[in-house]
Amino acid sequence: MQRIALVLAGGLLVSGAAWADPPSANPSSPALTGMNQRIARHQAEVGHLQQDVGQQEAASRQAAARLQQQDRTIAELRQQLKATQQTKASATGH
């Protein structure tokens, strides 16, 4: 989530910079066209970064779920081992 906040903040800074100092009032000026193109590229990059972050977060959630399942399996196996050891100790009189 922290990465998403950083990506969004970066996108807002880029967009905010464009509005803070417009190159000219003429909507067809080359400077304005160039700035609009840069904004579009930056917005596309932010979109890609957001998608990458989303994929990384999904992979992280899946890995965490696998680890939790492995922890449960280990706990079950330890209980089985303990029960087997107790049964064996009872059978041999220890």
N, C-alpha and C. Protein backbone atom coordinates (compact mmCIF):
# COMPACT_ATOMS: atom_id res chain seq x y z
N MET A 1 0.82 -1.18 0.00
CA MET A 1 0.00 0.00 0.00
C MET A 1 0.87 1.25 0.00
N GLN A 2 2.00 1.17 0.67
CA GLN A 2 2.89 2.32 0.72
C GLN A 2 3.41 2.64 -0.67
N ARG A 3 3.66 1.63 -1.47
CA ARG A 3 4.14 1.86 -2.84
C ARG A 3 3.09 2.57 -3.67
N ILE A 4 1.85 2.16 -3.48
CA ILE A 4 0.78 2.80 -4.25
C ILE A 4 0.71 4.28 -3.89
N ALA A 5 0.84 4.59 -2.61
CA ALA A 5 0.79 5.99 -2.18
C ALA A 5 1.92 6.78 -2.83
N LEU A 6 3.11 6.18 -2.91
CA LEU A 6 4.24 6.86 -3.53
C LEU A 6 4.00 7.07 -5.02
N VAL A 7 3.46 6.06 -5.67
CA VAL A 7 3.20 6.17 -7.11
C VAL A 7 2.16 7.25 -7.37
N LEU A 8 1.10 7.24 -6.57
CA LEU A 8 0.06 8.25 -6.74
C LEU A 8 0.59 9.65 -6.46
N ALA A 9 1.40 9.78 -5.42
CA ALA A 9 1.98 11.09 -5.09
C ALA A 9 2.85 11.58 -6.24
N GLY A 10 3.62 10.69 -6.84
CA GLY A 10 4.45 11.07 -7.98
C GLY A 10 3.61 11.53 -9.15
N GLY A 11 2.52 10.83 -9.40
CA GLY A 11 1.63 11.22 -10.48
C GLY A 11 0.98 12.57 -10.23
N LEU A 12 0.61 12.82 -8.98
CA LEU A 12 0.01 14.11 -8.65
C LEU A 12 1.02 15.24 -8.79
N LEU A 13 2.27 14.96 -8.40
CA LEU A 13 3.30 15.99 -8.54
C LEU A 13 3.51 16.35 -10.00
N VAL A 14 3.54 15.35 -10.86
CA VAL A 14 3.73 15.61 -12.29
C VAL A 14 2.55 16.41 -12.83
N SER A 15 1.34 15.99 -12.49
CA SER A 15 0.15 16.70 -12.96
C SER A 15 0.08 18.10 -12.38
N GLY A 16 0.41 18.23 -11.10
CA GLY A 16 0.37 19.53 -10.44
C GLY A 16 1.38 20.49 -11.03
N ALA A 17 2.55 19.99 -11.38
CA ALA A 17 3.58 20.84 -11.98
C ALA A 17 3.11 21.39 -13.32
N ALA A 18 2.36 20.61 -14.03
CA ALA A 18 1.87 21.06 -15.34
C ALA A 18 0.89 22.20 -15.17
N TRP A 19 0.06 22.15 -14.16
CA TRP A 19 -0.93 23.20 -13.96
C TRP A 19 -0.35 24.41 -13.25
N ALA A 20 0.71 24.24 -12.50
CA ALA A 20 1.29 25.35 -11.74
C ALA A 20 1.92 26.38 -12.65
N ASP A 21 2.49 25.95 -13.75
CA ASP A 21 3.18 26.88 -14.64
C ASP A 21 2.84 26.56 -16.09
N PRO A 22 1.64 26.90 -16.54
CA PRO A 22 1.28 26.58 -17.92
C PRO A 22 2.15 27.35 -18.89
N PRO A 23 2.58 26.70 -19.97
CA PRO A 23 3.51 27.34 -20.90
C PRO A 23 2.92 28.53 -21.65
N SER A 24 1.64 28.48 -22.00
CA SER A 24 1.01 29.62 -22.66
C SER A 24 -0.49 29.42 -22.66
N ALA A 25 -1.21 30.48 -22.97
CA ALA A 25 -2.67 30.39 -22.97
C ALA A 25 -3.18 29.80 -24.28
N ASN A 26 -2.35 29.74 -25.29
CA ASN A 26 -2.74 29.21 -26.59
C ASN A 26 -2.82 27.69 -26.53
N PRO A 27 -4.02 27.09 -26.66
CA PRO A 27 -4.16 25.64 -26.51
C PRO A 27 -3.42 24.85 -27.57
N SER A 28 -3.03 25.48 -28.68
CA SER A 28 -2.34 24.72 -29.71
C SER A 28 -0.84 25.00 -29.72
N SER A 29 -0.33 25.65 -28.69
CA SER A 29 1.09 25.96 -28.68
C SER A 29 1.92 24.68 -28.58
N PRO A 30 3.08 24.67 -29.20
CA PRO A 30 3.93 23.48 -29.14
C PRO A 30 4.34 23.12 -27.70
N ALA A 31 4.56 24.14 -26.90
CA ALA A 31 4.96 23.86 -25.51
C ALA A 31 3.84 23.15 -24.77
N LEU A 32 2.61 23.62 -24.95
CA LEU A 32 1.47 23.00 -24.28
C LEU A 32 1.24 21.58 -24.81
N THR A 33 1.38 21.41 -26.11
CA THR A 33 1.23 20.08 -26.71
C THR A 33 2.28 19.13 -26.14
N GLY A 34 3.52 19.61 -26.06
CA GLY A 34 4.58 18.78 -25.50
C GLY A 34 4.32 18.43 -24.05
N MET A 35 3.84 19.41 -23.28
CA MET A 35 3.56 19.15 -21.87
C MET A 35 2.42 18.15 -21.74
N ASN A 36 1.39 18.29 -22.56
CA ASN A 36 0.28 17.33 -22.51
C ASN A 36 0.76 15.93 -22.86
N GLN A 37 1.66 15.83 -23.81
CA GLN A 37 2.21 14.52 -24.17
C GLN A 37 3.01 13.93 -23.01
N ARG A 38 3.80 14.76 -22.34
CA ARG A 38 4.57 14.28 -21.18
C ARG A 38 3.64 13.84 -20.06
N ILE A 39 2.59 14.62 -19.84
CA ILE A 39 1.62 14.25 -18.81
C ILE A 39 0.98 12.91 -19.16
N ALA A 40 0.61 12.74 -20.41
CA ALA A 40 0.00 11.47 -20.83
C ALA A 40 0.97 10.31 -20.63
N ARG A 41 2.25 10.52 -20.97
CA ARG A 41 3.25 9.46 -20.77
C ARG A 41 3.41 9.15 -19.28
N HIS A 42 3.46 10.19 -18.46
CA HIS A 42 3.62 9.98 -17.02
C HIS A 42 2.40 9.28 -16.43
N GLN A 43 1.23 9.66 -16.90
CA GLN A 43 0.02 9.00 -16.41
C GLN A 43 0.01 7.52 -16.82
N ALA A 44 0.45 7.24 -18.03
CA ALA A 44 0.54 5.85 -18.47
C ALA A 44 1.55 5.09 -17.62
N GLU A 45 2.68 5.74 -17.32
CA GLU A 45 3.69 5.09 -16.47
C GLU A 45 3.13 4.84 -15.07
N VAL A 46 2.40 5.80 -14.52
CA VAL A 46 1.79 5.62 -13.21
C VAL A 46 0.81 4.44 -13.26
N GLY A 47 0.04 4.36 -14.33
CA GLY A 47 -0.88 3.23 -14.48
C GLY A 47 -0.16 1.89 -14.50
N HIS A 48 0.95 1.84 -15.23
CA HIS A 48 1.74 0.60 -15.28
C HIS A 48 2.32 0.27 -13.90
N LEU A 49 2.82 1.29 -13.22
CA LEU A 49 3.39 1.06 -11.89
C LEU A 49 2.31 0.60 -10.91
N GLN A 50 1.13 1.18 -11.00
CA GLN A 50 0.04 0.74 -10.14
C GLN A 50 -0.31 -0.72 -10.42
N GLN A 51 -0.31 -1.09 -11.68
CA GLN A 51 -0.60 -2.47 -12.05
C GLN A 51 0.48 -3.40 -11.50
N ASP A 52 1.74 -3.00 -11.63
CA ASP A 52 2.85 -3.81 -11.11
C ASP A 52 2.74 -3.97 -9.59
N VAL A 53 2.42 -2.89 -8.91
CA VAL A 53 2.27 -2.95 -7.45
C VAL A 53 1.12 -3.90 -7.09
N GLY A 54 0.04 -3.79 -7.82
CA GLY A 54 -1.10 -4.68 -7.56
C GLY A 54 -0.72 -6.14 -7.74
N GLN A 55 0.05 -6.43 -8.78
CA GLN A 55 0.49 -7.81 -9.01
C GLN A 55 1.42 -8.28 -7.90
N GLN A 56 2.32 -7.40 -7.46
CA GLN A 56 3.23 -7.76 -6.38
C GLN A 56 2.48 -7.99 -5.08
N GLU A 57 1.47 -7.17 -4.82
CA GLU A 57 0.68 -7.35 -3.60
C GLU A 57 -0.10 -8.66 -3.65
N ALA A 58 -0.64 -8.99 -4.81
CA ALA A 58 -1.38 -10.25 -4.96
C ALA A 58 -0.44 -11.43 -4.75
N ALA A 59 0.75 -11.36 -5.32
CA ALA A 59 1.74 -12.44 -5.14
C ALA A 59 2.13 -12.55 -3.67
N SER A 60 2.26 -11.42 -3.00
CA SER A 60 2.61 -11.43 -1.58
C SER A 60 1.51 -12.07 -0.74
N ARG A 61 0.25 -11.74 -1.06
CA ARG A 61 -0.87 -12.35 -0.33
C ARG A 61 -0.90 -13.86 -0.55
N GLN A 62 -0.64 -14.28 -1.79
CA GLN A 62 -0.63 -15.72 -2.09
C GLN A 62 0.50 -16.42 -1.34
N ALA A 63 1.65 -15.80 -1.29
CA ALA A 63 2.78 -16.39 -0.57
C ALA A 63 2.48 -16.48 0.92
N ALA A 64 1.85 -15.44 1.46
CA ALA A 64 1.49 -15.46 2.88
C ALA A 64 0.49 -16.58 3.17
N ALA A 65 -0.46 -16.78 2.27
CA ALA A 65 -1.44 -17.85 2.44
C ALA A 65 -0.76 -19.21 2.40
N ARG A 66 0.19 -19.38 1.48
CA ARG A 66 0.93 -20.66 1.41
C ARG A 66 1.72 -20.89 2.70
N LEU A 67 2.35 -19.85 3.21
CA LEU A 67 3.12 -20.00 4.46
C LEU A 67 2.21 -20.36 5.62
N GLN A 68 1.04 -19.75 5.69
CA GLN A 68 0.10 -20.09 6.75
C GLN A 68 -0.34 -21.55 6.65
N GLN A 69 -0.59 -22.01 5.43
CA GLN A 69 -0.97 -23.41 5.25
C GLN A 69 0.17 -24.33 5.66
N GLN A 70 1.38 -23.97 5.31
CA GLN A 70 2.54 -24.78 5.71
C GLN A 70 2.69 -24.79 7.23
N ASP A 71 2.46 -23.66 7.88
CA ASP A 71 2.52 -23.61 9.34
C ASP A 71 1.48 -24.53 9.97
N ARG A 72 0.27 -24.53 9.40
CA ARG A 72 -0.78 -25.42 9.92
C ARG A 72 -0.39 -26.89 9.72
N THR A 73 0.18 -27.20 8.57
CA THR A 73 0.61 -28.58 8.30
C THR A 73 1.70 -29.00 9.27
N ILE A 74 2.65 -28.12 9.51
CA ILE A 74 3.74 -28.43 10.46
C ILE A 74 3.18 -28.66 11.85
N ALA A 75 2.24 -27.82 12.28
CA ALA A 75 1.64 -27.98 13.60
C ALA A 75 0.91 -29.32 13.71
N GLU A 76 0.18 -29.71 12.67
CA GLU A 76 -0.52 -31.00 12.67
C GLU A 76 0.47 -32.16 12.73
N LEU A 77 1.54 -32.06 11.97
CA LEU A 77 2.55 -33.12 11.97
C LEU A 77 3.24 -33.23 13.33
N ARG A 78 3.48 -32.09 13.97
CA ARG A 78 4.09 -32.12 15.31
C ARG A 78 3.15 -32.80 16.31
N GLN A 79 1.86 -32.50 16.20
CA GLN A 79 0.89 -33.15 17.09
C GLN A 79 0.86 -34.65 16.85
N GLN A 80 0.89 -35.06 15.59
CA GLN A 80 0.89 -36.49 15.27
C GLN A 80 2.15 -37.16 15.81
N LEU A 81 3.28 -36.48 15.65
CA LEU A 81 4.55 -37.04 16.15
C LEU A 81 4.51 -37.18 17.66
N LYS A 82 4.00 -36.16 18.33
CA LYS A 82 3.92 -36.20 19.80
C LYS A 82 3.00 -37.34 20.25
N ALA A 83 1.86 -37.48 19.57
CA ALA A 83 0.93 -38.56 19.92
C ALA A 83 1.57 -39.92 19.69
N THR A 84 2.30 -40.07 18.60
CA THR A 84 2.98 -41.33 18.29
C THR A 84 4.04 -41.62 19.34
N GLN A 85 4.79 -40.61 19.73
CA GLN A 85 5.83 -40.81 20.74
C GLN A 85 5.22 -41.18 22.09
N GLN A 86 4.09 -40.56 22.43
CA GLN A 86 3.43 -40.89 23.69
C GLN A 86 2.88 -42.31 23.68
N THR A 87 2.31 -42.70 22.54
CA THR A 87 1.78 -44.07 22.41
C THR A 87 2.93 -45.07 22.52
N LYS A 88 4.05 -44.77 21.88
CA LYS A 88 5.20 -45.67 21.92
C LYS A 88 5.76 -45.76 23.33
N ALA A 89 5.81 -44.62 24.03
CA ALA A 89 6.33 -44.61 25.41
C ALA A 89 5.41 -45.40 26.33
N SER A 90 4.11 -45.29 26.11
CA SER A 90 3.15 -46.03 26.94
C SER A 90 3.27 -47.53 26.69
N ALA A 91 3.50 -47.90 25.45
CA ALA A 91 3.59 -49.32 25.10
C ALA A 91 4.84 -49.94 25.67
N THR A 92 5.92 -49.20 25.77
CA THR A 92 7.18 -49.76 26.26
C THR A 92 7.33 -49.54 27.77
N GLY A 93 6.40 -48.82 28.38
CA GLY A 93 6.44 -48.62 29.81
C GLY A 93 7.34 -47.49 30.26
N HIS A 94 7.70 -46.59 29.41
CA HIS A 94 8.56 -45.45 29.80
C HIS A 94 7.78 -44.28 30.17
